[in-house]
PDB file of N, CA and C in Angstrom:
ATOM      1  N   MET A   1     -34.641   3.497 -62.289  1.00  0.00           N
ATOM      2  CA  MET A   1     -33.497   4.335 -62.015  1.00  0.00           C
ATOM      3  C   MET A   1     -33.627   4.876 -60.597  1.00  0.00           C
ATOM      4  N   ALA A   2     -32.587   4.740 -59.852  1.00  0.00           N
ATOM      5  CA  ALA A   2     -32.594   5.242 -58.478  1.00  0.00           C
ATOM      6  C   ALA A   2     -32.501   6.758 -58.471  1.00  0.00           C
ATOM      7  N   ARG A   3     -33.219   7.368 -57.567  1.00  0.00           N
ATOM      8  CA  ARG A   3     -33.176   8.825 -57.448  1.00  0.00           C
ATOM      9  C   ARG A   3     -31.963   9.233 -56.645  1.00  0.00           C
ATOM     10  N   ALA A   4     -31.476  10.407 -56.944  1.00  0.00           N
ATOM     11  CA  ALA A   4     -30.346  10.934 -56.198  1.00  0.00           C
ATOM     12  C   ALA A   4     -30.749  11.142 -54.748  1.00  0.00           C
ATOM     13  N   ALA A   5     -29.821  10.905 -53.856  1.00  0.00           N
ATOM     14  CA  ALA A   5     -30.112  11.004 -52.431  1.00  0.00           C
ATOM     15  C   ALA A   5     -30.230  12.446 -51.960  1.00  0.00           C
ATOM     16  N   THR A   6     -29.782  13.383 -52.752  1.00  0.00           N
ATOM     17  CA  THR A   6     -29.758  14.773 -52.318  1.00  0.00           C
ATOM     18  C   THR A   6     -30.738  15.622 -53.118  1.00  0.00           C
ATOM     19  N   THR A   7     -31.164  16.687 -52.543  1.00  0.00           N
ATOM     20  CA  THR A   7     -31.968  17.664 -53.259  1.00  0.00           C
ATOM     21  C   THR A   7     -31.213  18.974 -53.299  1.00  0.00           C
ATOM     22  N   SER A   8     -29.905  18.887 -53.450  1.00  0.00           N
ATOM     23  CA  SER A   8     -29.063  20.074 -53.349  1.00  0.00           C
ATOM     24  C   SER A   8     -29.023  20.913 -54.612  1.00  0.00           C
ATOM     25  N   ASP A   9     -29.731  20.521 -55.654  1.00  0.00           N
ATOM     26  CA  ASP A   9     -29.782  21.381 -56.835  1.00  0.00           C
ATOM     27  C   ASP A   9     -31.203  21.448 -57.372  1.00  0.00           C
ATOM     28  N   ALA A  10     -31.411  22.382 -58.275  1.00  0.00           N
ATOM     29  CA  ALA A  10     -32.765  22.620 -58.798  1.00  0.00           C
ATOM     30  C   ALA A  10     -33.326  21.384 -59.488  1.00  0.00           C
ATOM     31  N   PHE A  11     -32.496  20.625 -60.180  1.00  0.00           N
ATOM     32  CA  PHE A  11     -32.977  19.445 -60.900  1.00  0.00           C
ATOM     33  C   PHE A  11     -33.599  18.442 -59.925  1.00  0.00           C
ATOM     34  N   ASN A  12     -32.902  18.157 -58.871  1.00  0.00           N
ATOM     35  CA  ASN A  12     -33.424  17.210 -57.881  1.00  0.00           C
ATOM     36  C   ASN A  12     -34.648  17.778 -57.172  1.00  0.00           C
ATOM     37  N   ALA A  13     -34.599  19.063 -56.870  1.00  0.00           N
ATOM     38  CA  ALA A  13     -35.715  19.676 -56.145  1.00  0.00           C
ATOM     39  C   ALA A  13     -37.006  19.603 -56.955  1.00  0.00           C
ATOM     40  N   ILE A  14     -36.930  19.862 -58.262  1.00  0.00           N
ATOM     41  CA  ILE A  14     -38.162  19.871 -59.056  1.00  0.00           C
ATOM     42  C   ILE A  14     -38.533  18.486 -59.565  1.00  0.00           C
ATOM     43  N   ALA A  15     -37.735  17.480 -59.231  1.00  0.00           N
ATOM     44  CA  ALA A  15     -38.100  16.107 -59.585  1.00  0.00           C
ATOM     45  C   ALA A  15     -39.334  15.663 -58.799  1.00  0.00           C
ATOM     46  N   GLU A  16     -39.590  16.287 -57.687  1.00  0.00           N
ATOM     47  CA  GLU A  16     -40.758  15.980 -56.853  1.00  0.00           C
ATOM     48  C   GLU A  16     -41.972  16.740 -57.408  1.00  0.00           C
ATOM     49  N   PRO A  17     -43.019  16.021 -57.847  1.00  0.00           N
ATOM     50  CA  PRO A  17     -44.181  16.684 -58.470  1.00  0.00           C
ATOM     51  C   PRO A  17     -44.848  17.744 -57.587  1.00  0.00           C
ATOM     52  N   GLN A  18     -44.922  17.509 -56.286  1.00  0.00           N
ATOM     53  CA  GLN A  18     -45.583  18.498 -55.429  1.00  0.00           C
ATOM     54  C   GLN A  18     -44.781  19.796 -55.353  1.00  0.00           C
ATOM     55  N   ARG A  19     -43.474  19.691 -55.478  1.00  0.00           N
ATOM     56  CA  ARG A  19     -42.660  20.924 -55.501  1.00  0.00           C
ATOM     57  C   ARG A  19     -42.908  21.701 -56.784  1.00  0.00           C
ATOM     58  N   ARG A  20     -43.090  20.983 -57.882  1.00  0.00           N
ATOM     59  CA  ARG A  20     -43.413  21.673 -59.137  1.00  0.00           C
ATOM     60  C   ARG A  20     -44.782  22.348 -59.012  1.00  0.00           C
ATOM     61  N   ASP A  21     -45.719  21.680 -58.334  1.00  0.00           N
ATOM     62  CA  ASP A  21     -47.037  22.288 -58.119  1.00  0.00           C
ATOM     63  C   ASP A  21     -46.912  23.569 -57.294  1.00  0.00           C
ATOM     64  N   ILE A  22     -46.075  23.532 -56.274  1.00  0.00           N
ATOM     65  CA  ILE A  22     -45.869  24.726 -55.448  1.00  0.00           C
ATOM     66  C   ILE A  22     -45.290  25.855 -56.293  1.00  0.00           C
ATOM     67  N   LEU A  23     -44.295  25.546 -57.107  1.00  0.00           N
ATOM     68  CA  LEU A  23     -43.701  26.580 -57.958  1.00  0.00           C
ATOM     69  C   LEU A  23     -44.732  27.144 -58.926  1.00  0.00           C
ATOM     70  N   ALA A  24     -45.581  26.280 -59.457  1.00  0.00           N
ATOM     71  CA  ALA A  24     -46.622  26.753 -60.382  1.00  0.00           C
ATOM     72  C   ALA A  24     -47.570  27.723 -59.682  1.00  0.00           C
ATOM     73  N   LEU A  25     -47.936  27.423 -58.447  1.00  0.00           N
ATOM     74  CA  LEU A  25     -48.819  28.332 -57.707  1.00  0.00           C
ATOM     75  C   LEU A  25     -48.129  29.653 -57.400  1.00  0.00           C
ATOM     76  N   LEU A  26     -46.839  29.589 -57.123  1.00  0.00           N
ATOM     77  CA  LEU A  26     -46.117  30.806 -56.763  1.00  0.00           C
ATOM     78  C   LEU A  26     -45.854  31.723 -57.966  1.00  0.00           C
ATOM     79  N   ARG A  27     -46.075  31.193 -59.176  1.00  0.00           N
ATOM     80  CA  ARG A  27     -45.934  32.065 -60.359  1.00  0.00           C
ATOM     81  C   ARG A  27     -46.928  33.217 -60.292  1.00  0.00           C
ATOM     82  N   ALA A  28     -48.068  32.987 -59.648  1.00  0.00           N
ATOM     83  CA  ALA A  28     -49.104  34.020 -59.561  1.00  0.00           C
ATOM     84  C   ALA A  28     -48.801  35.056 -58.477  1.00  0.00           C
ATOM     85  N   GLY A  29     -47.827  34.763 -57.620  1.00  0.00           N
ATOM     86  CA  GLY A  29     -47.482  35.719 -56.581  1.00  0.00           C
ATOM     87  C   GLY A  29     -47.217  35.049 -55.248  1.00  0.00           C
ATOM     88  N   GLU A  30     -46.816  35.864 -54.290  1.00  0.00           N
ATOM     89  CA  GLU A  30     -46.463  35.351 -52.966  1.00  0.00           C
ATOM     90  C   GLU A  30     -47.689  34.779 -52.258  1.00  0.00           C
ATOM     91  N   ARG A  31     -47.410  33.755 -51.436  1.00  0.00           N
ATOM     92  CA  ARG A  31     -48.479  33.141 -50.659  1.00  0.00           C
ATOM     93  C   ARG A  31     -47.923  32.605 -49.345  1.00  0.00           C
ATOM     94  N   PRO A  32     -48.757  32.585 -48.316  1.00  0.00           N
ATOM     95  CA  PRO A  32     -48.334  31.945 -47.069  1.00  0.00           C
ATOM     96  C   PRO A  32     -48.456  30.431 -47.209  1.00  0.00           C
ATOM     97  N   VAL A  33     -47.737  29.718 -46.377  1.00  0.00           N
ATOM     98  CA  VAL A  33     -47.720  28.259 -46.456  1.00  0.00           C
ATOM     99  C   VAL A  33     -49.107  27.669 -46.247  1.00  0.00           C
ATOM    100  N   THR A  34     -49.932  28.304 -45.422  1.00  0.00           N
ATOM    101  CA  THR A  34     -51.275  27.756 -45.175  1.00  0.00           C
ATOM    102  C   THR A  34     -52.104  27.727 -46.459  1.00  0.00           C
ATOM    103  N   GLU A  35     -52.017  28.774 -47.256  1.00  0.00           N
ATOM    104  CA  GLU A  35     -52.764  28.805 -48.519  1.00  0.00           C
ATOM    105  C   GLU A  35     -52.239  27.767 -49.498  1.00  0.00           C
ATOM    106  N   LEU A  36     -50.921  27.648 -49.560  1.00  0.00           N
ATOM    107  CA  LEU A  36     -50.327  26.661 -50.465  1.00  0.00           C
ATOM    108  C   LEU A  36     -50.757  25.253 -50.074  1.00  0.00           C
ATOM    109  N   ALA A  37     -50.677  24.960 -48.786  1.00  0.00           N
ATOM    110  CA  ALA A  37     -51.054  23.627 -48.303  1.00  0.00           C
ATOM    111  C   ALA A  37     -52.511  23.336 -48.607  1.00  0.00           C
ATOM    112  N   GLN A  38     -53.369  24.313 -48.353  1.00  0.00           N
ATOM    113  CA  GLN A  38     -54.799  24.119 -48.592  1.00  0.00           C
ATOM    114  C   GLN A  38     -55.084  23.896 -50.072  1.00  0.00           C
ATOM    115  N   GLU A  39     -54.494  24.714 -50.911  1.00  0.00           N
ATOM    116  CA  GLU A  39     -54.747  24.592 -52.352  1.00  0.00           C
ATOM    117  C   GLU A  39     -54.256  23.259 -52.917  1.00  0.00           C
ATOM    118  N   LEU A  40     -53.168  22.756 -52.361  1.00  0.00           N
ATOM    119  CA  LEU A  40     -52.594  21.509 -52.866  1.00  0.00           C
ATOM    120  C   LEU A  40     -53.101  20.273 -52.121  1.00  0.00           C
ATOM    121  N   GLY A  41     -53.925  20.493 -51.104  1.00  0.00           N
ATOM    122  CA  GLY A  41     -54.486  19.367 -50.365  1.00  0.00           C
ATOM    123  C   GLY A  41     -53.441  18.593 -49.580  1.00  0.00           C
ATOM    124  N   MET A  42     -52.500  19.300 -49.038  1.00  0.00           N
ATOM    125  CA  MET A  42     -51.460  18.646 -48.237  1.00  0.00           C
ATOM    126  C   MET A  42     -51.412  19.292 -46.862  1.00  0.00           C
ATOM    127  N   SER A  43     -50.732  18.632 -45.953  1.00  0.00           N
ATOM    128  CA  SER A  43     -50.616  19.187 -44.605  1.00  0.00           C
ATOM    129  C   SER A  43     -49.666  20.390 -44.632  1.00  0.00           C
ATOM    130  N   GLN A  44     -49.823  21.257 -43.636  1.00  0.00           N
ATOM    131  CA  GLN A  44     -48.926  22.413 -43.558  1.00  0.00           C
ATOM    132  C   GLN A  44     -47.482  21.978 -43.328  1.00  0.00           C
ATOM    133  N   PRO A  45     -47.235  20.985 -42.434  1.00  0.00           N
ATOM    134  CA  PRO A  45     -45.835  20.529 -42.289  1.00  0.00           C
ATOM    135  C   PRO A  45     -45.278  19.956 -43.598  1.00  0.00           C
ATOM    136  N   GLY A  46     -46.117  19.270 -44.348  1.00  0.00           N
ATOM    137  CA  GLY A  46     -45.668  18.727 -45.636  1.00  0.00           C
ATOM    138  C   GLY A  46     -45.304  19.838 -46.608  1.00  0.00           C
ATOM    139  N   ALA A  47     -46.147  20.855 -46.678  1.00  0.00           N
ATOM    140  CA  ALA A  47     -45.857  21.987 -47.560  1.00  0.00           C
ATOM    141  C   ALA A  47     -44.604  22.720 -47.094  1.00  0.00           C
ATOM    142  N   SER A  48     -44.462  22.864 -45.773  1.00  0.00           N
ATOM    143  CA  SER A  48     -43.270  23.534 -45.228  1.00  0.00           C
ATOM    144  C   SER A  48     -42.000  22.774 -45.585  1.00  0.00           C
ATOM    145  N   LYS A  49     -42.078  21.449 -45.539  1.00  0.00           N
ATOM    146  CA  LYS A  49     -40.911  20.631 -45.887  1.00  0.00           C
ATOM    147  C   LYS A  49     -40.500  20.873 -47.340  1.00  0.00           C
ATOM    148  N   HIS A  50     -41.480  20.894 -48.228  1.00  0.00           N
ATOM    149  CA  HIS A  50     -41.168  21.140 -49.643  1.00  0.00           C
ATOM    150  C   HIS A  50     -40.650  22.564 -49.853  1.00  0.00           C
ATOM    151  N   LEU A  51     -41.245  23.518 -49.164  1.00  0.00           N
ATOM    152  CA  LEU A  51     -40.783  24.908 -49.296  1.00  0.00           C
ATOM    153  C   LEU A  51     -39.349  25.067 -48.796  1.00  0.00           C
ATOM    154  N   ARG A  52     -38.997  24.344 -47.732  1.00  0.00           N
ATOM    155  CA  ARG A  52     -37.622  24.411 -47.216  1.00  0.00           C
ATOM    156  C   ARG A  52     -36.630  23.926 -48.280  1.00  0.00           C
ATOM    157  N   VAL A  53     -36.969  22.815 -48.932  1.00  0.00           N
ATOM    158  CA  VAL A  53     -36.089  22.289 -49.998  1.00  0.00           C
ATOM    159  C   VAL A  53     -35.979  23.301 -51.134  1.00  0.00           C
ATOM    160  N   LEU A  54     -37.110  23.845 -51.549  1.00  0.00           N
ATOM    161  CA  LEU A  54     -37.105  24.819 -52.651  1.00  0.00           C
ATOM    162  C   LEU A  54     -36.321  26.068 -52.282  1.00  0.00           C
ATOM    163  N   ARG A  55     -36.413  26.473 -51.024  1.00  0.00           N
ATOM    164  CA  ARG A  55     -35.662  27.650 -50.565  1.00  0.00           C
ATOM    165  C   ARG A  55     -34.171  27.356 -50.530  1.00  0.00           C
ATOM    166  N   GLU A  56     -33.800  26.164 -50.096  1.00  0.00           N
ATOM    167  CA  GLU A  56     -32.383  25.804 -49.997  1.00  0.00           C
ATOM    168  C   GLU A  56     -31.675  25.782 -51.354  1.00  0.00           C
ATOM    169  N   VAL A  57     -32.407  25.470 -52.408  1.00  0.00           N
ATOM    170  CA  VAL A  57     -31.788  25.446 -53.738  1.00  0.00           C
ATOM    171  C   VAL A  57     -32.016  26.746 -54.505  1.00  0.00           C
ATOM    172  N   GLY A  58     -32.621  27.726 -53.856  1.00  0.00           N
ATOM    173  CA  GLY A  58     -32.753  29.050 -54.457  1.00  0.00           C
ATOM    174  C   GLY A  58     -33.926  29.218 -55.411  1.00  0.00           C
ATOM    175  N   LEU A  59     -34.947  28.390 -55.278  1.00  0.00           N
ATOM    176  CA  LEU A  59     -36.110  28.527 -56.148  1.00  0.00           C
ATOM    177  C   LEU A  59     -37.237  29.321 -55.497  1.00  0.00           C
ATOM    178  N   VAL A  60     -37.153  29.457 -54.194  1.00  0.00           N
ATOM    179  CA  VAL A  60     -38.191  30.157 -53.433  1.00  0.00           C
ATOM    180  C   VAL A  60     -37.518  31.095 -52.444  1.00  0.00           C
ATOM    181  N   ARG A  61     -38.118  32.246 -52.276  1.00  0.00           N
ATOM    182  CA  ARG A  61     -37.651  33.193 -51.252  1.00  0.00           C
ATOM    183  C   ARG A  61     -38.785  33.392 -50.256  1.00  0.00           C
ATOM    184  N   VAL A  62     -38.427  33.850 -49.093  1.00  0.00           N
ATOM    185  CA  VAL A  62     -39.444  34.060 -48.067  1.00  0.00           C
ATOM    186  C   VAL A  62     -39.187  35.404 -47.406  1.00  0.00           C
ATOM    187  N   ARG A  63     -40.285  36.058 -47.043  1.00  0.00           N
ATOM    188  CA  ARG A  63     -40.160  37.322 -46.318  1.00  0.00           C
ATOM    189  C   ARG A  63     -41.271  37.378 -45.280  1.00  0.00           C
ATOM    190  N   GLY A  64     -40.976  38.037 -44.204  1.00  0.00           N
ATOM    191  CA  GLY A  64     -41.938  38.166 -43.132  1.00  0.00           C
ATOM    192  C   GLY A  64     -42.766  39.421 -43.286  1.00  0.00           C
ATOM    193  N   VAL A  65     -44.068  39.260 -43.082  1.00  0.00           N
ATOM    194  CA  VAL A  65     -44.996  40.390 -43.068  1.00  0.00           C
ATOM    195  C   VAL A  65     -45.811  40.227 -41.798  1.00  0.00           C
ATOM    196  N   GLY A  66     -45.459  40.993 -40.762  1.00  0.00           N
ATOM    197  CA  GLY A  66     -46.099  40.796 -39.465  1.00  0.00           C
ATOM    198  C   GLY A  66     -45.738  39.416 -38.950  1.00  0.00           C
ATOM    199  N   LYS A  67     -46.752  38.662 -38.573  1.00  0.00           N
ATOM    200  CA  LYS A  67     -46.511  37.307 -38.075  1.00  0.00           C
ATOM    201  C   LYS A  67     -46.490  36.278 -39.201  1.00  0.00           C
ATOM    202  N   GLN A  68     -46.781  36.726 -40.391  1.00  0.00           N
ATOM    203  CA  GLN A  68     -46.908  35.810 -41.523  1.00  0.00           C
ATOM    204  C   GLN A  68     -45.613  35.775 -42.341  1.00  0.00           C
ATOM    205  N   ARG A  69     -45.320  34.595 -42.870  1.00  0.00           N
ATOM    206  CA  ARG A  69     -44.188  34.439 -43.783  1.00  0.00           C
ATOM    207  C   ARG A  69     -44.759  34.176 -45.171  1.00  0.00           C
ATOM    208  N   LEU A  70     -44.366  35.020 -46.102  1.00  0.00           N
ATOM    209  CA  LEU A  70     -44.860  34.881 -47.472  1.00  0.00           C
ATOM    210  C   LEU A  70     -43.770  34.267 -48.333  1.00  0.00           C
ATOM    211  N   TYR A  71     -44.141  33.245 -49.080  1.00  0.00           N
ATOM    212  CA  TYR A  71     -43.214  32.561 -49.980  1.00  0.00           C
ATOM    213  C   TYR A  71     -43.460  33.054 -51.398  1.00  0.00           C
ATOM    214  N   GLY A  72     -42.359  33.270 -52.099  1.00  0.00           N
ATOM    215  CA  GLY A  72     -42.459  33.727 -53.480  1.00  0.00           C
ATOM    216  C   GLY A  72     -41.461  32.994 -54.364  1.00  0.00           C
ATOM    217  N   LEU A  73     -41.752  32.966 -55.626  1.00  0.00           N
ATOM    218  CA  LEU A  73     -40.896  32.306 -56.608  1.00  0.00           C
ATOM    219  C   LEU A  73     -39.632  33.121 -56.837  1.00  0.00           C
ATOM    220  N   ASP A  74     -38.506  32.460 -56.882  1.00  0.00           N
ATOM    221  CA  ASP A  74     -37.240  33.097 -57.270  1.00  0.00           C
ATOM    222  C   ASP A  74     -36.763  32.344 -58.512  1.00  0.00           C
ATOM    223  N   ALA A  75     -37.262  32.785 -59.657  1.00  0.00           N
ATOM    224  CA  ALA A  75     -37.034  32.060 -60.910  1.00  0.00           C
ATOM    225  C   ALA A  75     -35.568  32.033 -61.316  1.00  0.00           C
ATOM    226  N   ARG A  76     -34.737  32.868 -60.704  1.00  0.00           N
ATOM    227  CA  ARG A  76     -33.297  32.837 -61.055  1.00  0.00           C
ATOM    228  C   ARG A  76     -32.707  31.459 -60.783  1.00  0.00           C
ATOM    229  N   GLY A  77     -33.268  30.750 -59.807  1.00  0.00           N
ATOM    230  CA  GLY A  77     -32.762  29.416 -59.483  1.00  0.00           C
ATOM    231  C   GLY A  77     -33.062  28.393 -60.557  1.00  0.00           C
ATOM    232  N   LEU A  78     -33.994  28.730 -61.456  1.00  0.00           N
ATOM    233  CA  LEU A  78     -34.335  27.810 -62.541  1.00  0.00           C
ATOM    234  C   LEU A  78     -33.407  27.957 -63.742  1.00  0.00           C
ATOM    235  N   ARG A  79     -32.483  28.908 -63.687  1.00  0.00           N
ATOM    236  CA  ARG A  79     -31.595  29.156 -64.826  1.00  0.00           C
ATOM    237  C   ARG A  79     -30.848  27.898 -65.278  1.00  0.00           C
ATOM    238  N   PRO A  80     -30.259  27.097 -64.366  1.00  0.00           N
ATOM    239  CA  PRO A  80     -29.566  25.884 -64.835  1.00  0.00           C
ATOM    240  C   PRO A  80     -30.498  24.920 -65.566  1.00  0.00           C
ATOM    241  N   VAL A  81     -31.748  24.829 -65.111  1.00  0.00           N
ATOM    242  CA  VAL A  81     -32.722  23.949 -65.759  1.00  0.00           C
ATOM    243  C   VAL A  81     -33.065  24.506 -67.139  1.00  0.00           C
ATOM    244  N   HIS A  82     -33.296  25.818 -67.196  1.00  0.00           N
ATOM    245  CA  HIS A  82     -33.635  26.467 -68.462  1.00  0.00           C
ATOM    246  C   HIS A  82     -32.496  26.309 -69.474  1.00  0.00           C
ATOM    247  N   GLU A  83     -31.273  26.508 -69.026  1.00  0.00           N
ATOM    248  CA  GLU A  83     -30.125  26.392 -69.927  1.00  0.00           C
ATOM    249  C   GLU A  83     -29.952  24.958 -70.415  1.00  0.00           C
ATOM    250  N   TRP A  84     -30.180  23.996 -69.547  1.00  0.00           N
ATOM    251  CA  TRP A  84     -30.053  22.595 -69.958  1.00  0.00           C
ATOM    252  C   TRP A  84     -31.125  22.241 -70.990  1.00  0.00           C
ATOM    253  N   ILE A  85     -32.353  22.641 -70.731  1.00  0.00           N
ATOM    254  CA  ILE A  85     -33.445  22.359 -71.665  1.00  0.00           C
ATOM    255  C   ILE A  85     -33.205  23.074 -72.992  1.00  0.00           C
ATOM    256  N   GLY A  86     -32.657  24.289 -72.936  1.00  0.00           N
ATOM    257  CA  GLY A  86     -32.371  25.041 -74.150  1.00  0.00           C
ATOM    258  C   GLY A  86     -31.417  24.306 -75.080  1.00  0.00           C
ATOM    259  N   GLY A  87     -30.605  23.417 -74.544  1.00  0.00           N
ATOM    260  CA  GLY A  87     -29.692  22.631 -75.366  1.00  0.00           C
ATOM    261  C   GLY A  87     -30.410  21.683 -76.308  1.00  0.00           C
ATOM    262  N   PHE A  88     -31.680  21.452 -76.072  1.00  0.00           N
ATOM    263  CA  PHE A  88     -32.459  20.556 -76.918  1.00  0.00           C
ATOM    264  C   PHE A  88     -33.252  21.329 -77.971  1.00  0.00           C
ATOM    265  N   GLU A  89     -33.135  22.637 -78.002  1.00  0.00           N
ATOM    266  CA  GLU A  89     -33.900  23.459 -78.936  1.00  0.00           C
ATOM    267  C   GLU A  89     -33.611  23.071 -80.388  1.00  0.00           C
ATOM    268  N   ARG A  90     -32.345  22.872 -80.725  1.00  0.00           N
ATOM    269  CA  ARG A  90     -31.987  22.496 -82.092  1.00  0.00           C
ATOM    270  C   ARG A  90     -32.654  21.172 -82.480  1.00  0.00           C
ATOM    271  N   PHE A  91     -32.636  20.205 -81.553  1.00  0.00           N
ATOM    272  CA  PHE A  91     -33.271  18.918 -81.818  1.00  0.00           C
ATOM    273  C   PHE A  91     -34.739  19.102 -82.171  1.00  0.00           C
ATOM    274  N   TRP A  92     -35.465  19.881 -81.350  1.00  0.00           N
ATOM    275  CA  TRP A  92     -36.890  20.074 -81.586  1.00  0.00           C
ATOM    276  C   TRP A  92     -37.156  20.855 -82.855  1.00  0.00           C
ATOM    277  N   ASN A  93     -36.337  21.878 -83.125  1.00  0.00           N
ATOM    278  CA  ASN A  93     -36.526  22.646 -84.359  1.00  0.00           C
ATOM    279  C   ASN A  93     -36.339  21.761 -85.580  1.00  0.00           C
ATOM    280  N   GLU A  94     -35.306  20.912 -85.559  1.00  0.00           N
ATOM    281  CA  GLU A  94     -35.073  20.012 -86.685  1.00  0.00           C
ATOM    282  C   GLU A  94     -36.200  18.984 -86.801  1.00  0.00           C
ATOM    283  N   SER A  95     -36.705  18.504 -85.676  1.00  0.00           N
ATOM    284  CA  SER A  95     -37.809  17.545 -85.706  1.00  0.00           C
ATOM    285  C   SER A  95     -39.063  18.181 -86.297  1.00  0.00           C
ATOM    286  N   PHE A  96     -39.363  19.405 -85.908  1.00  0.00           N
ATOM    287  CA  PHE A  96     -40.541  20.092 -86.451  1.00  0.00           C
ATOM    288  C   PHE A  96     -40.363  20.399 -87.935  1.00  0.00           C
ATOM    289  N   ASP A  97     -39.137  20.746 -88.332  1.00  0.00           N
ATOM    290  CA  ASP A  97     -38.884  20.989 -89.756  1.00  0.00           C
ATOM    291  C   ASP A  97     -39.120  19.718 -90.571  1.00  0.00           C
ATOM    292  N   ARG A  98     -38.640  18.565 -90.070  1.00  0.00           N
ATOM    293  CA  ARG A  98     -38.859  17.301 -90.779  1.00  0.00           C
ATOM    294  C   ARG A  98     -40.350  16.965 -90.833  1.00  0.00           C
ATOM    295  N   LEU A  99     -41.063  17.213 -89.737  1.00  0.00           N
ATOM    296  CA  LEU A  99     -42.501  16.959 -89.714  1.00  0.00           C
ATOM    297  C   LEU A  99     -43.218  17.865 -90.713  1.00  0.00           C
ATOM    298  N   ASP A 100     -42.823  19.113 -90.763  1.00  0.00           N
ATOM    299  CA  ASP A 100     -43.434  20.050 -91.705  1.00  0.00           C
ATOM    300  C   ASP A 100     -43.191  19.604 -93.147  1.00  0.00           C
ATOM    301  N   THR A 101     -41.974  19.172 -93.438  1.00  0.00           N
ATOM    302  CA  THR A 101     -41.656  18.676 -94.778  1.00  0.00           C
ATOM    303  C   THR A 101     -42.500  17.453 -95.111  1.00  0.00           C
ATOM    304  N   TYR A 102     -42.644  16.543 -94.156  1.00  0.00           N
ATOM    305  CA  TYR A 102     -43.448  15.339 -94.366  1.00  0.00           C
ATOM    306  C   TYR A 102     -44.904  15.701 -94.669  1.00  0.00           C
ATOM    307  N   VAL A 103     -45.472  16.627 -93.897  1.00  0.00           N
ATOM    308  CA  VAL A 103     -46.868  17.028 -94.100  1.00  0.00           C
ATOM    309  C   VAL A 103     -47.039  17.699 -95.463  1.00  0.00           C
ATOM    310  N   GLN A 104     -46.102  18.545 -95.826  1.00  0.00           N
ATOM    311  CA  GLN A 104     -46.188  19.212 -97.137  1.00  0.00           C
ATOM    312  C   GLN A 104     -46.103  18.193 -98.270  1.00  0.00           C
ATOM    313  N   ASP A 105     -45.201  17.222 -98.138  1.00  0.00           N
ATOM    314  CA  ASP A 105     -45.083  16.161 -99.152  1.00  0.00           C
ATOM    315  C   ASP A 105     -46.363  15.343 -99.224  1.00  0.00           C
ATOM    316  N   LEU A 106     -46.958  15.046 -98.089  1.00  0.00           N
ATOM    317  CA  LEU A 106     -48.196  14.277 -98.041  1.00  0.00           C
ATOM    318  C   LEU A 106     -49.332  15.039 -98.713  1.00  0.00           C
ATOM    319  N   LYS A 107     -49.437  16.338 -98.449  1.00  0.00           N
ATOM    320  CA  LYS A 107     -50.459  17.168 -99.091  1.00  0.00           C
ATOM    321  C   LYS A 107     -50.272  17.183-100.603  1.00  0.00           C
ATOM    322  N   GLN A 108     -49.030  17.318-101.017  1.00  0.00           N
ATOM    323  CA  GLN A 108     -48.720  17.356-102.449  1.00  0.00           C
ATOM    324  C   GLN A 108     -49.120  16.047-103.116  1.00  0.00           C
ATOM    325  N   THR A 109     -48.801  14.926-102.460  1.00  0.00           N
ATOM    326  CA  THR A 109     -49.128  13.608-103.002  1.00  0.00           C
ATOM    327  C   THR A 109     -50.630  13.433-103.136  1.00  0.00           C
ATOM    328  N   ARG A 110     -51.388  13.876-102.141  1.00  0.00           N
ATOM    329  CA  ARG A 110     -52.852  13.732-102.176  1.00  0.00           C
ATOM    330  C   ARG A 110     -53.484  14.620-103.251  1.00  0.00           C
ATOM    331  N   GLN A 111     -52.894  15.777-103.478  1.00  0.00           N
ATOM    332  CA  GLN A 111     -53.416  16.665-104.520  1.00  0.00           C
ATOM    333  C   GLN A 111     -53.168  16.083-105.910  1.00  0.00           C
ATOM    334  N   GLU A 112     -52.096  15.342-106.044  1.00  0.00           N
ATOM    335  CA  GLU A 112     -51.750  14.762-107.346  1.00  0.00           C
ATOM    336  C   GLU A 112     -52.569  13.508-107.654  1.00  0.00           C
ATOM    337  N   GLU A 113     -53.166  12.897-106.604  1.00  0.00           N
ATOM    338  CA  GLU A 113     -53.925  11.654-106.804  1.00  0.00           C
ATOM    339  C   GLU A 113     -55.296  11.924-107.390  1.00  0.00           C
TER     340      GLU A 113
END
């Protein structure tokens, strides 16, 4: 499947694994790009490129502290992703209910043997 040419929304932005890694690190709090790059084993320009994409789609915010720019998670941008995934909740609940019924039936059968 061909990837979309744009990263103009959260879905496309988080399709890149390194961007998801950056978001995971930012859950713990704000960090400068140098720390993010070092922790992820990537170049600073590479990390900056990913941060720019994440900022453009509203997943990351940045603020200046002296000469340093600190990047932080803006989880509000994940709302469309969360809402889309939430649409599958019924599917998973029904699947777990069927699995639970199967396990209970299996236990009952083994006890009767």
